[in-house]
Protein backbone atom coordinates (compact mmCIF):
# COMPACT_ATOMS: atom_id res chain seq x y z
CA MET A 1 -4.67 -31.09 15.55
CA THR A 2 -3.31 -32.44 12.28
CA ALA A 3 0.23 -32.22 11.01
CA PRO A 4 0.96 -29.35 8.58
CA GLN A 5 0.92 -30.30 4.92
CA THR A 6 3.43 -29.15 2.32
CA LEU A 7 2.37 -28.48 -1.26
CA PRO A 8 4.39 -29.91 -4.14
CA GLN A 9 6.77 -27.37 -5.68
CA ALA A 10 4.62 -27.16 -8.85
CA GLN A 11 1.61 -25.94 -6.81
CA ARG A 12 3.47 -23.39 -4.67
CA GLN A 13 3.18 -19.67 -5.33
CA ARG A 14 5.74 -17.00 -4.43
CA CYS A 15 4.56 -14.68 -1.67
CA GLU A 16 5.58 -11.03 -1.84
CA VAL A 17 6.42 -9.54 1.56
CA TRP A 18 5.86 -5.82 2.17
CA THR A 19 7.12 -3.77 5.09
CA ARG A 20 6.83 -0.18 6.26
CA VAL A 21 10.02 1.87 5.96
CA MET A 22 10.12 5.58 6.77
CA GLY A 23 6.33 5.82 6.58
CA TYR A 24 5.98 4.10 3.19
CA HIS A 25 4.97 0.52 2.44
CA ARG A 26 7.49 -1.16 0.11
CA PRO A 27 8.02 -4.71 -1.15
CA VAL A 28 11.11 -6.28 0.40
CA SER A 29 12.08 -7.54 -3.07
CA ALA A 30 12.67 -3.89 -4.08
CA PHE A 31 15.27 -3.40 -1.32
CA ASN A 32 18.99 -3.41 -2.11
CA PRO A 33 20.90 -6.55 -0.97
CA GLY A 34 22.12 -4.93 2.26
CA LYS A 35 18.64 -3.85 3.31
CA GLN A 36 17.23 -7.31 2.43
CA SER A 37 19.87 -8.88 4.69
CA GLU A 38 18.96 -6.46 7.48
CA HIS A 39 15.27 -7.34 7.05
CA ARG A 40 16.03 -11.09 7.40
CA GLU A 41 17.87 -10.43 10.68
CA ARG A 42 14.98 -8.54 12.32
CA VAL A 43 13.49 -9.94 15.50
CA HIS A 44 9.71 -9.69 15.53
CA PHE A 45 7.87 -8.61 18.66
CA THR A 46 5.51 -11.07 20.33
CA GLU A 47 3.42 -10.07 23.32
CA SER A 48 3.83 -13.42 25.08
CA ALA A 49 7.63 -13.18 24.92
CA ALA A 50 7.54 -9.61 26.23
CA LEU A 51 5.30 -10.58 29.14
CA ALA A 52 7.52 -13.57 29.99
CA GLY A 53 10.56 -11.29 30.27
CA ARG A 54 8.77 -9.03 32.76
CA GLN A 55 9.05 -11.45 35.72
């Protein structure tokens, strides 16, 4: 496996993140500052972590 490469800043492109809130898909950039902060603090579910905690 090779080491990850990082693009120069001039070649990078901003990625818009969308999430589902109350049944609607919305871009996180459209959230108010409080909701954006809450979104950054979310812990994402991973199956391997859930299975490890089941011991």
